[in-house]
Amino acid sequence: MSPSANNSPRYSRILGTGSHLPGGRVSNQDLAVRLAADGIETSDEWIVERTGIRARHFAAPDQGASDLAFPAAQAALEAAGIAAEELDLIIVATSTPDMVFPSTACLLQKKLGVHGCAAFDVQAVCSGFVYALSVADSMIK
């Protein structure tokens, strides 16, 4: 007996991705100068040797996670070839939400102009993306 189309397993897949970095780029040299003012000695070489990091990006004081998520979400939607209105679920993985309530996902939902889809945050620090992906996959299946 062959399985019917209704019983076939459902799979999720990533159709598009997007990213966005804030404009405040700080090189290791810049960081070393800032830290030296506080009596902390470091260098580009020391940081790269131990972390592999050459620069980091700092958000402006008035920028929240949803402000950074918005252009990233737009890029992901464009890469996927879908409109924001087609979304059924928005999950934001962050350890730095804009505020406790409403969730950053709900703020992003408003910025995208999406109505009627579920939106929530997952806060699990470094592993947050993995958990958010797992939750999304489970909700699709």
N, C-alpha and C. Protein backbone atom coordinates (compact mmCIF):
# COMPACT_ATOMS: atom_id res chain seq x y z
N MET A 1 0.84 -1.17 0.00
CA MET A 1 0.00 0.00 0.00
C MET A 1 0.89 1.24 0.00
N SER A 2 0.70 2.10 -0.95
CA SER A 2 1.53 3.30 -1.04
C SER A 2 0.92 4.41 -0.18
N PRO A 3 1.79 5.22 0.41
CA PRO A 3 1.26 6.31 1.25
C PRO A 3 0.55 7.35 0.39
N SER A 4 -0.52 7.88 0.91
CA SER A 4 -1.25 8.91 0.17
C SER A 4 -0.52 10.24 0.29
N ALA A 5 -0.87 11.16 -0.56
CA ALA A 5 -0.23 12.48 -0.55
C ALA A 5 -0.44 13.18 0.79
N ASN A 6 -1.59 12.92 1.42
CA ASN A 6 -1.87 13.55 2.71
C ASN A 6 -1.00 13.02 3.83
N ASN A 7 -0.50 11.81 3.69
CA ASN A 7 0.31 11.20 4.74
C ASN A 7 1.80 11.37 4.50
N SER A 8 2.18 11.97 3.39
CA SER A 8 3.61 12.13 3.12
C SER A 8 4.20 13.13 4.11
N PRO A 9 5.44 12.91 4.50
CA PRO A 9 6.06 13.80 5.49
C PRO A 9 6.23 15.21 4.94
N ARG A 10 6.11 16.20 5.82
CA ARG A 10 6.33 17.60 5.46
C ARG A 10 7.74 17.98 5.86
N TYR A 11 8.35 18.75 5.03
CA TYR A 11 9.71 19.20 5.30
C TYR A 11 9.77 20.72 5.25
N SER A 12 10.64 21.26 6.04
CA SER A 12 10.87 22.70 5.98
C SER A 12 12.19 22.94 5.28
N ARG A 13 12.32 24.13 4.72
CA ARG A 13 13.59 24.49 4.08
C ARG A 13 13.77 25.99 4.16
N ILE A 14 15.01 26.41 4.10
CA ILE A 14 15.33 27.82 4.15
C ILE A 14 15.32 28.34 2.72
N LEU A 15 14.40 29.26 2.44
CA LEU A 15 14.26 29.81 1.09
C LEU A 15 15.14 31.03 0.87
N GLY A 16 15.41 31.77 1.92
CA GLY A 16 16.23 32.97 1.79
C GLY A 16 16.75 33.40 3.14
N THR A 17 17.86 34.07 3.12
CA THR A 17 18.44 34.61 4.36
C THR A 17 18.74 36.09 4.17
N GLY A 18 18.86 36.79 5.26
CA GLY A 18 19.22 38.19 5.22
C GLY A 18 20.00 38.54 6.47
N SER A 19 20.81 39.55 6.37
CA SER A 19 21.57 40.01 7.52
C SER A 19 21.72 41.53 7.45
N HIS A 20 22.02 42.10 8.59
CA HIS A 20 22.23 43.55 8.65
C HIS A 20 23.13 43.86 9.83
N LEU A 21 24.14 44.66 9.59
CA LEU A 21 25.04 45.10 10.65
C LEU A 21 24.84 46.59 10.90
N PRO A 22 24.87 47.00 12.15
CA PRO A 22 24.78 48.44 12.41
C PRO A 22 26.02 49.15 11.91
N GLY A 23 25.91 50.44 11.73
CA GLY A 23 27.00 51.22 11.14
C GLY A 23 28.20 51.45 12.02
N GLY A 24 28.08 51.23 13.31
CA GLY A 24 29.17 51.52 14.24
C GLY A 24 30.26 50.47 14.25
N ARG A 25 31.09 50.44 13.19
CA ARG A 25 32.17 49.45 13.10
C ARG A 25 33.34 49.89 13.98
N VAL A 26 33.79 48.97 14.82
CA VAL A 26 34.91 49.24 15.73
C VAL A 26 35.97 48.18 15.50
N SER A 27 37.11 48.60 14.99
CA SER A 27 38.22 47.67 14.74
C SER A 27 38.90 47.33 16.06
N ASN A 28 39.74 46.31 16.04
CA ASN A 28 40.50 45.96 17.24
C ASN A 28 41.39 47.11 17.67
N GLN A 29 41.97 47.82 16.70
CA GLN A 29 42.82 48.96 17.04
C GLN A 29 42.01 50.05 17.74
N ASP A 30 40.80 50.32 17.21
CA ASP A 30 39.92 51.30 17.86
C ASP A 30 39.58 50.86 19.28
N LEU A 31 39.29 49.57 19.43
CA LEU A 31 38.95 49.03 20.74
C LEU A 31 40.13 49.13 21.71
N ALA A 32 41.32 48.84 21.21
CA ALA A 32 42.52 48.93 22.05
C ALA A 32 42.72 50.35 22.57
N VAL A 33 42.47 51.34 21.72
CA VAL A 33 42.60 52.74 22.15
C VAL A 33 41.56 53.07 23.23
N ARG A 34 40.32 52.63 23.01
CA ARG A 34 39.26 52.88 24.00
C ARG A 34 39.58 52.22 25.34
N LEU A 35 40.05 50.97 25.28
CA LEU A 35 40.36 50.24 26.51
C LEU A 35 41.57 50.82 27.23
N ALA A 36 42.54 51.31 26.46
CA ALA A 36 43.74 51.92 27.06
C ALA A 36 43.36 53.11 27.94
N ALA A 37 42.33 53.83 27.54
CA ALA A 37 41.87 54.97 28.34
C ALA A 37 41.39 54.53 29.72
N ASP A 38 40.98 53.25 29.83
CA ASP A 38 40.55 52.69 31.11
C ASP A 38 41.65 51.87 31.78
N GLY A 39 42.85 51.94 31.22
CA GLY A 39 43.98 51.22 31.81
C GLY A 39 44.06 49.76 31.43
N ILE A 40 43.34 49.35 30.39
CA ILE A 40 43.36 47.96 29.93
C ILE A 40 44.22 47.88 28.68
N GLU A 41 45.23 47.03 28.72
CA GLU A 41 46.16 46.91 27.60
C GLU A 41 45.79 45.72 26.72
N THR A 42 45.67 45.96 25.43
CA THR A 42 45.42 44.90 24.45
C THR A 42 45.90 45.39 23.09
N SER A 43 45.80 44.52 22.10
CA SER A 43 46.22 44.89 20.74
C SER A 43 45.41 44.10 19.73
N ASP A 44 45.47 44.55 18.49
CA ASP A 44 44.81 43.83 17.40
C ASP A 44 45.31 42.39 17.35
N GLU A 45 46.61 42.21 17.40
CA GLU A 45 47.20 40.87 17.31
C GLU A 45 46.71 39.97 18.45
N TRP A 46 46.70 40.50 19.67
CA TRP A 46 46.28 39.72 20.83
C TRP A 46 44.83 39.26 20.67
N ILE A 47 43.95 40.17 20.25
CA ILE A 47 42.53 39.84 20.09
C ILE A 47 42.33 38.83 18.97
N VAL A 48 42.96 39.04 17.81
CA VAL A 48 42.81 38.13 16.67
C VAL A 48 43.33 36.74 17.03
N GLU A 49 44.47 36.68 17.68
CA GLU A 49 45.07 35.38 18.03
C GLU A 49 44.15 34.56 18.93
N ARG A 50 43.44 35.19 19.82
CA ARG A 50 42.61 34.48 20.79
C ARG A 50 41.16 34.30 20.35
N THR A 51 40.68 35.20 19.50
CA THR A 51 39.26 35.14 19.14
C THR A 51 38.98 35.03 17.64
N GLY A 52 39.93 35.44 16.82
CA GLY A 52 39.70 35.49 15.38
C GLY A 52 38.92 36.73 14.96
N ILE A 53 38.55 37.56 15.90
CA ILE A 53 37.74 38.76 15.62
C ILE A 53 38.66 39.91 15.22
N ARG A 54 38.32 40.57 14.11
CA ARG A 54 39.07 41.75 13.66
C ARG A 54 38.30 43.05 13.88
N ALA A 55 36.98 42.95 13.92
CA ALA A 55 36.14 44.13 14.14
C ALA A 55 34.78 43.67 14.65
N ARG A 56 34.06 44.60 15.25
CA ARG A 56 32.71 44.34 15.69
C ARG A 56 31.88 45.57 15.33
N HIS A 57 30.57 45.40 15.36
CA HIS A 57 29.67 46.49 15.02
C HIS A 57 28.79 46.80 16.22
N PHE A 58 28.74 48.06 16.60
CA PHE A 58 27.91 48.50 17.72
C PHE A 58 26.72 49.28 17.18
N ALA A 59 25.55 48.97 17.71
CA ALA A 59 24.35 49.70 17.34
C ALA A 59 24.38 51.07 18.01
N ALA A 60 23.72 52.02 17.38
CA ALA A 60 23.58 53.36 17.97
C ALA A 60 22.69 53.25 19.21
N PRO A 61 22.82 54.17 20.14
CA PRO A 61 22.01 54.10 21.37
C PRO A 61 20.50 54.05 21.12
N ASP A 62 20.05 54.64 20.02
CA ASP A 62 18.61 54.65 19.73
C ASP A 62 18.18 53.50 18.82
N GLN A 63 19.07 52.55 18.52
CA GLN A 63 18.74 51.40 17.68
C GLN A 63 18.42 50.19 18.54
N GLY A 64 17.31 49.54 18.23
CA GLY A 64 16.94 48.31 18.91
C GLY A 64 17.10 47.11 17.99
N ALA A 65 16.90 45.94 18.54
CA ALA A 65 17.01 44.71 17.76
C ALA A 65 16.03 44.70 16.58
N SER A 66 14.83 45.25 16.78
CA SER A 66 13.86 45.26 15.68
C SER A 66 14.31 46.18 14.55
N ASP A 67 15.05 47.24 14.88
CA ASP A 67 15.59 48.14 13.85
C ASP A 67 16.62 47.42 12.99
N LEU A 68 17.39 46.54 13.60
CA LEU A 68 18.38 45.76 12.87
C LEU A 68 17.73 44.59 12.14
N ALA A 69 16.69 44.02 12.75
CA ALA A 69 16.00 42.87 12.15
C ALA A 69 15.22 43.26 10.89
N PHE A 70 14.71 44.49 10.85
CA PHE A 70 13.87 44.91 9.72
C PHE A 70 14.59 44.82 8.38
N PRO A 71 15.76 45.44 8.17
CA PRO A 71 16.43 45.29 6.88
C PRO A 71 16.89 43.86 6.62
N ALA A 72 17.22 43.12 7.68
CA ALA A 72 17.61 41.72 7.50
C ALA A 72 16.42 40.90 7.02
N ALA A 73 15.25 41.15 7.61
CA ALA A 73 14.03 40.45 7.19
C ALA A 73 13.66 40.80 5.76
N GLN A 74 13.78 42.08 5.40
CA GLN A 74 13.49 42.49 4.02
C GLN A 74 14.41 41.77 3.04
N ALA A 75 15.68 41.66 3.38
CA ALA A 75 16.64 40.96 2.50
C ALA A 75 16.29 39.48 2.39
N ALA A 76 15.90 38.86 3.50
CA ALA A 76 15.52 37.45 3.49
C ALA A 76 14.28 37.22 2.63
N LEU A 77 13.30 38.10 2.77
CA LEU A 77 12.08 37.98 1.96
C LEU A 77 12.39 38.15 0.48
N GLU A 78 13.23 39.11 0.16
CA GLU A 78 13.62 39.32 -1.24
C GLU A 78 14.35 38.10 -1.79
N ALA A 79 15.28 37.55 -0.99
CA ALA A 79 16.03 36.37 -1.43
C ALA A 79 15.12 35.17 -1.62
N ALA A 80 14.07 35.08 -0.80
CA ALA A 80 13.12 33.97 -0.90
C ALA A 80 12.09 34.19 -2.00
N GLY A 81 11.97 35.43 -2.46
CA GLY A 81 10.99 35.73 -3.49
C GLY A 81 9.56 35.71 -2.98
N ILE A 82 9.37 36.09 -1.72
CA ILE A 82 8.01 36.14 -1.17
C ILE A 82 7.74 37.51 -0.56
N ALA A 83 6.47 37.84 -0.45
CA ALA A 83 6.06 39.11 0.15
C ALA A 83 5.85 38.91 1.64
N ALA A 84 6.05 39.96 2.41
CA ALA A 84 5.88 39.88 3.86
C ALA A 84 4.48 39.40 4.23
N GLU A 85 3.48 39.78 3.45
CA GLU A 85 2.09 39.40 3.72
C GLU A 85 1.88 37.88 3.66
N GLU A 86 2.80 37.16 3.04
CA GLU A 86 2.68 35.71 2.93
C GLU A 86 3.19 34.98 4.17
N LEU A 87 3.79 35.70 5.10
CA LEU A 87 4.35 35.06 6.29
C LEU A 87 3.24 34.53 7.20
N ASP A 88 3.47 33.34 7.75
CA ASP A 88 2.57 32.74 8.72
C ASP A 88 3.14 32.80 10.13
N LEU A 89 4.45 33.04 10.24
CA LEU A 89 5.11 33.00 11.54
C LEU A 89 6.37 33.87 11.50
N ILE A 90 6.59 34.64 12.54
CA ILE A 90 7.82 35.41 12.70
C ILE A 90 8.42 35.04 14.04
N ILE A 91 9.63 34.53 14.03
CA ILE A 91 10.36 34.22 15.25
C ILE A 91 11.63 35.06 15.25
N VAL A 92 11.87 35.77 16.32
CA VAL A 92 13.11 36.53 16.48
C VAL A 92 13.91 35.89 17.61
N ALA A 93 15.15 35.53 17.32
CA ALA A 93 16.06 34.99 18.33
C ALA A 93 17.00 36.11 18.74
N THR A 94 16.88 36.57 19.97
CA THR A 94 17.74 37.65 20.46
C THR A 94 17.90 37.56 21.97
N SER A 95 19.04 37.98 22.44
CA SER A 95 19.23 38.11 23.89
C SER A 95 19.20 39.58 24.28
N THR A 96 18.95 40.44 23.30
CA THR A 96 18.85 41.89 23.55
C THR A 96 17.58 42.45 22.93
N PRO A 97 16.41 42.08 23.48
CA PRO A 97 15.16 42.57 22.91
C PRO A 97 15.02 44.08 23.07
N ASP A 98 14.19 44.67 22.22
CA ASP A 98 13.92 46.11 22.32
C ASP A 98 13.35 46.45 23.70
N MET A 99 12.46 45.60 24.17
CA MET A 99 11.80 45.77 25.47
C MET A 99 11.21 44.42 25.86
N VAL A 100 10.73 44.31 27.07
CA VAL A 100 10.15 43.05 27.52
C VAL A 100 8.84 42.77 26.80
N PHE A 101 8.02 43.79 26.65
CA PHE A 101 6.72 43.63 26.01
C PHE A 101 6.40 44.89 25.24
N PRO A 102 5.96 44.82 24.02
CA PRO A 102 5.73 43.62 23.22
C PRO A 102 7.05 43.00 22.76
N SER A 103 6.96 41.79 22.28
CA SER A 103 8.15 41.08 21.82
C SER A 103 8.77 41.80 20.62
N THR A 104 10.05 41.58 20.44
CA THR A 104 10.75 42.15 19.28
C THR A 104 10.13 41.62 17.99
N ALA A 105 9.69 40.37 18.00
CA ALA A 105 9.03 39.80 16.81
C ALA A 105 7.76 40.57 16.47
N CYS A 106 7.00 40.97 17.48
CA CYS A 106 5.79 41.76 17.22
C CYS A 106 6.13 43.14 16.68
N LEU A 107 7.20 43.74 17.20
CA LEU A 107 7.64 45.03 16.67
C LEU A 107 8.08 44.90 15.21
N LEU A 108 8.79 43.82 14.91
CA LEU A 108 9.22 43.55 13.54
C LEU A 108 8.00 43.30 12.65
N GLN A 109 7.05 42.56 13.16
CA GLN A 109 5.81 42.28 12.42
C GLN A 109 5.15 43.60 12.00
N LYS A 110 5.08 44.54 12.92
CA LYS A 110 4.47 45.85 12.61
C LYS A 110 5.29 46.58 11.55
N LYS A 111 6.61 46.57 11.68
CA LYS A 111 7.47 47.26 10.72
C LYS A 111 7.34 46.66 9.32
N LEU A 112 7.11 45.35 9.27
CA LEU A 112 6.94 44.67 7.98
C LEU A 112 5.54 44.87 7.41
N GLY A 113 4.62 45.36 8.23
CA GLY A 113 3.24 45.55 7.79
C GLY A 113 2.47 44.26 7.67
N VAL A 114 2.83 43.29 8.49
CA VAL A 114 2.20 41.96 8.45
C VAL A 114 1.11 41.89 9.52
N HIS A 115 -0.05 41.36 9.15
CA HIS A 115 -1.16 41.20 10.09
C HIS A 115 -1.60 39.74 10.09
N GLY A 116 -1.98 39.24 11.25
CA GLY A 116 -2.60 37.93 11.32
C GLY A 116 -1.66 36.74 11.36
N CYS A 117 -0.38 36.95 11.60
CA CYS A 117 0.50 35.79 11.75
C CYS A 117 1.06 35.77 13.16
N ALA A 118 1.46 34.60 13.61
CA ALA A 118 2.06 34.46 14.93
C ALA A 118 3.43 35.13 14.93
N ALA A 119 3.79 35.72 16.07
CA ALA A 119 5.10 36.38 16.20
C ALA A 119 5.53 36.29 17.65
N PHE A 120 6.73 35.76 17.88
CA PHE A 120 7.26 35.67 19.24
C PHE A 120 8.77 35.61 19.22
N ASP A 121 9.36 35.86 20.38
CA ASP A 121 10.81 35.83 20.55
C ASP A 121 11.26 34.52 21.18
N VAL A 122 12.49 34.14 20.89
CA VAL A 122 13.17 33.03 21.56
C VAL A 122 14.45 33.63 22.15
N GLN A 123 14.61 33.48 23.45
CA GLN A 123 15.81 34.00 24.11
C GLN A 123 16.60 32.84 24.70
N ALA A 124 17.68 32.48 24.02
CA ALA A 124 18.55 31.40 24.49
C ALA A 124 20.00 31.75 24.22
N VAL A 125 20.32 33.02 24.28
CA VAL A 125 21.66 33.57 24.10
C VAL A 125 22.28 32.99 22.82
N CYS A 126 23.46 32.41 22.89
CA CYS A 126 24.19 31.98 21.69
C CYS A 126 23.45 30.89 20.91
N SER A 127 22.71 30.04 21.59
CA SER A 127 22.02 28.95 20.91
C SER A 127 20.61 29.34 20.45
N GLY A 128 20.23 30.60 20.62
CA GLY A 128 18.89 31.04 20.28
C GLY A 128 18.48 30.75 18.85
N PHE A 129 19.40 30.97 17.90
CA PHE A 129 19.06 30.71 16.50
C PHE A 129 18.72 29.25 16.29
N VAL A 130 19.50 28.35 16.89
CA VAL A 130 19.26 26.91 16.73
C VAL A 130 17.90 26.54 17.30
N TYR A 131 17.57 27.06 18.48
CA TYR A 131 16.27 26.78 19.07
C TYR A 131 15.14 27.38 18.23
N ALA A 132 15.30 28.60 17.74
CA ALA A 132 14.28 29.23 16.91
C ALA A 132 14.04 28.43 15.64
N LEU A 133 15.12 27.96 15.03
CA LEU A 133 15.01 27.14 13.82
C LEU A 133 14.27 25.84 14.11
N SER A 134 14.58 25.22 15.24
CA SER A 134 13.93 23.97 15.64
C SER A 134 12.44 24.19 15.90
N VAL A 135 12.09 25.28 16.57
CA VAL A 135 10.69 25.59 16.83
C VAL A 135 9.95 25.83 15.52
N ALA A 136 10.54 26.61 14.62
CA ALA A 136 9.90 26.88 13.33
C ALA A 136 9.69 25.58 12.55
N ASP A 137 10.71 24.72 12.53
CA ASP A 137 10.61 23.44 11.85
C ASP A 137 9.47 22.60 12.44
N SER A 138 9.38 22.57 13.76
CA SER A 138 8.32 21.80 14.42
C SER A 138 6.94 22.35 14.09
N MET A 139 6.82 23.65 13.99
CA MET A 139 5.51 24.25 13.69
C MET A 139 5.11 24.01 12.24
N ILE A 140 6.07 23.84 11.36
CA ILE A 140 5.77 23.53 9.96
C ILE A 140 5.31 22.09 9.82
N LYS A 141 6.00 21.20 10.50
CA LYS A 141 5.67 19.77 10.42
C LYS A 141 4.39 19.50 11.15
